Amino acid sequence: AVQAVVDWFGPLNFLEMDAQFSASGITPAMGATSSETSPESQYIGQLITEDPELTQQANPATYINTMAEETAPSFLIEHGTADANVPTQQSVDFADLLIPVIGEEKVTLVLLDGAGHGTSEFTAQENLDRVFAFLDEVLGN
């Protein structure tokens, strides 16, 4: 069973991304999530707004409530505050939705100030040390 999850800038709810980019003032690097060429639309094989039910099935947020606190893994969620591919709010919302289901002690959210989508801040030694410390703590190494 999965015991630990390290989530770097993962999308959570595709249909909320455009509004979240707008609210953040960040222009999406790949254009609107609700466009036919967005990675999210390409992932589900059609425009995400054409079949909200299918899009909902593809959203990781859909499955949070299926976890049981006693068997759920611990999560380290990291996101850059300048991410132009996935809104930072996606990770904030992820943590906020996880906590009531699996417990606050199993959820850690780290926002990397000024970091973009997969920029060097994620692989900097200080951050890697944080990730490995999380894994050591959860896995008992």
Protein backbone atom coordinates (compact mmCIF):
# COMPACT_ATOMS: atom_id res chain seq x y z
CA ALA A 1 0.00 0.00 0.00
CA VAL A 2 1.12 3.55 -0.65
CA GLN A 3 2.47 5.08 2.55
CA ALA A 4 3.79 8.45 1.37
CA VAL A 5 3.00 10.85 -1.46
CA VAL A 6 5.20 13.70 -2.63
CA ASP A 7 3.05 15.91 -4.84
CA TRP A 8 4.86 18.60 -6.79
CA PHE A 9 2.45 21.12 -8.36
CA GLY A 10 -0.25 18.61 -9.30
CA PRO A 11 -3.58 19.67 -10.75
CA LEU A 12 -6.61 18.87 -8.63
CA ASN A 13 -9.71 20.19 -10.35
CA PHE A 14 -9.41 21.02 -14.05
CA LEU A 15 -12.61 23.06 -14.26
CA GLU A 16 -11.42 25.53 -11.60
CA MET A 17 -7.99 26.26 -13.07
CA ASP A 18 -8.92 29.14 -15.42
CA ALA A 19 -10.72 31.06 -12.66
CA GLN A 20 -7.83 30.43 -10.27
CA PHE A 21 -5.28 31.76 -12.77
CA SER A 22 -7.45 34.82 -13.27
CA ALA A 23 -7.75 35.41 -9.53
CA SER A 24 -3.99 35.02 -9.05
CA GLY A 25 -3.07 37.44 -11.82
CA ILE A 26 -0.83 34.83 -13.43
CA THR A 27 -1.22 34.30 -17.17
CA PRO A 28 -1.27 30.57 -17.95
CA ALA A 29 1.81 29.56 -19.93
CA MET A 30 -0.16 27.12 -22.07
CA GLY A 31 -3.28 29.20 -22.50
CA ALA A 32 -6.69 28.51 -21.03
CA THR A 33 -7.23 25.15 -19.39
CA SER A 34 -10.65 25.13 -21.05
CA SER A 35 -9.08 25.24 -24.53
CA GLU A 36 -8.95 22.25 -26.86
CA THR A 37 -5.13 22.30 -26.82
CA SER A 38 -4.69 22.33 -23.04
CA PRO A 39 -2.94 19.32 -21.49
CA GLU A 40 -6.09 18.69 -19.45
CA SER A 41 -8.35 18.58 -22.53
CA GLN A 42 -5.81 16.43 -24.34
CA TYR A 43 -5.69 14.09 -21.32
CA ILE A 44 -9.43 13.40 -21.39
CA GLY A 45 -9.59 13.44 -25.20
CA GLN A 46 -11.91 16.41 -25.59
CA LEU A 47 -12.54 19.92 -24.37
CA ILE A 48 -12.88 19.68 -20.58
CA THR A 49 -16.08 21.74 -20.58
CA GLU A 50 -17.86 19.46 -23.11
CA ASP A 51 -18.36 16.62 -20.64
CA PRO A 52 -18.15 17.85 -17.04
CA GLU A 53 -18.89 14.34 -15.74
CA LEU A 54 -15.92 12.86 -17.62
CA THR A 55 -13.75 15.74 -16.46
CA GLN A 56 -14.89 15.14 -12.88
CA GLN A 57 -13.83 11.49 -13.21
CA ALA A 58 -10.36 12.66 -14.29
CA ASN A 59 -10.00 15.12 -11.39
CA PRO A 60 -7.91 13.82 -8.48
CA ALA A 61 -10.21 15.77 -6.11
CA THR A 62 -13.00 13.34 -6.95
CA TYR A 63 -11.29 10.52 -5.07
CA ILE A 64 -10.23 12.22 -1.84
CA ASN A 65 -13.34 11.10 0.04
CA THR A 66 -12.66 7.46 -0.88
CA MET A 67 -9.65 7.37 1.44
CA ALA A 68 -9.85 6.07 4.98
CA GLU A 69 -7.89 7.97 7.61
CA GLU A 70 -6.31 4.82 9.06
CA THR A 71 -4.97 3.57 5.70
CA ALA A 72 -4.37 6.83 3.82
CA PRO A 73 -0.80 7.80 3.01
CA SER A 74 0.86 10.94 4.32
CA PHE A 75 1.15 13.78 1.81
CA LEU A 76 3.88 16.35 1.23
CA ILE A 77 2.40 18.86 -1.22
CA GLU A 78 4.73 21.44 -2.75
CA HIS A 79 3.86 24.17 -5.21
CA GLY A 80 5.59 27.27 -6.53
CA THR A 81 3.83 30.59 -6.02
CA ALA A 82 4.72 31.68 -9.59
CA ASP A 83 3.56 28.51 -11.34
CA ALA A 84 2.09 29.39 -14.75
CA ASN A 85 1.09 25.80 -15.63
CA VAL A 86 -0.99 24.79 -12.60
CA PRO A 87 -2.44 27.44 -10.27
CA THR A 88 -0.96 27.39 -6.76
CA GLN A 89 -4.51 27.37 -5.44
CA GLN A 90 -4.86 23.78 -6.71
CA SER A 91 -2.38 22.60 -4.06
CA VAL A 92 -3.87 24.82 -1.36
CA ASP A 93 -7.28 23.33 -2.12
CA PHE A 94 -5.81 19.81 -2.16
CA ALA A 95 -4.44 20.23 1.36
CA ASP A 96 -7.69 21.82 2.55
CA LEU A 97 -9.72 18.90 1.19
CA LEU A 98 -7.37 16.21 2.50
CA ILE A 99 -7.16 17.43 6.11
CA PRO A 100 -10.76 16.70 7.15
CA VAL A 101 -10.62 13.26 5.51
CA ILE A 102 -7.21 11.92 6.58
CA GLY A 103 -6.16 14.26 9.40
CA GLU A 104 -3.95 17.31 9.67
CA GLU A 105 -0.96 15.26 10.83
CA LYS A 106 -0.87 13.48 7.45
CA VAL A 107 -0.84 16.63 5.30
CA THR A 108 2.04 19.05 4.81
CA LEU A 109 1.74 21.95 2.35
CA VAL A 110 4.84 23.91 1.33
CA LEU A 111 4.56 26.89 -1.01
CA LEU A 112 7.89 27.72 -2.60
CA ASP A 113 8.01 31.51 -2.91
CA GLY A 114 8.67 32.64 -6.47
CA ALA A 115 9.09 29.12 -7.85
CA GLY A 116 7.52 28.18 -11.16
CA HIS A 117 6.37 24.83 -12.50
CA GLY A 118 9.26 22.45 -11.88
CA THR A 119 11.87 25.17 -11.57
CA SER A 120 15.20 24.69 -9.80
CA GLU A 121 13.75 25.45 -6.35
CA PHE A 122 12.25 21.96 -6.33
CA THR A 123 15.58 20.22 -6.92
CA ALA A 124 17.62 22.55 -4.72
CA GLN A 125 19.41 20.65 -1.96
CA GLU A 126 17.40 22.38 0.78
CA ASN A 127 14.12 21.20 -0.76
CA LEU A 128 15.40 17.70 -1.51
CA ASP A 129 16.50 17.46 2.12
CA ARG A 130 12.91 18.37 3.14
CA VAL A 131 11.47 15.71 0.81
CA PHE A 132 13.86 13.01 2.05
CA ALA A 133 13.22 13.95 5.69
CA PHE A 134 9.48 13.60 5.05
CA LEU A 135 9.98 10.19 3.45
CA ASP A 136 12.30 9.05 6.25
CA GLU A 137 9.76 10.14 8.87
CA VAL A 138 6.80 8.47 7.18
CA LEU A 139 8.61 5.31 6.12
CA GLY A 140 10.51 4.96 9.39
CA ASN A 141 14.00 5.03 7.89
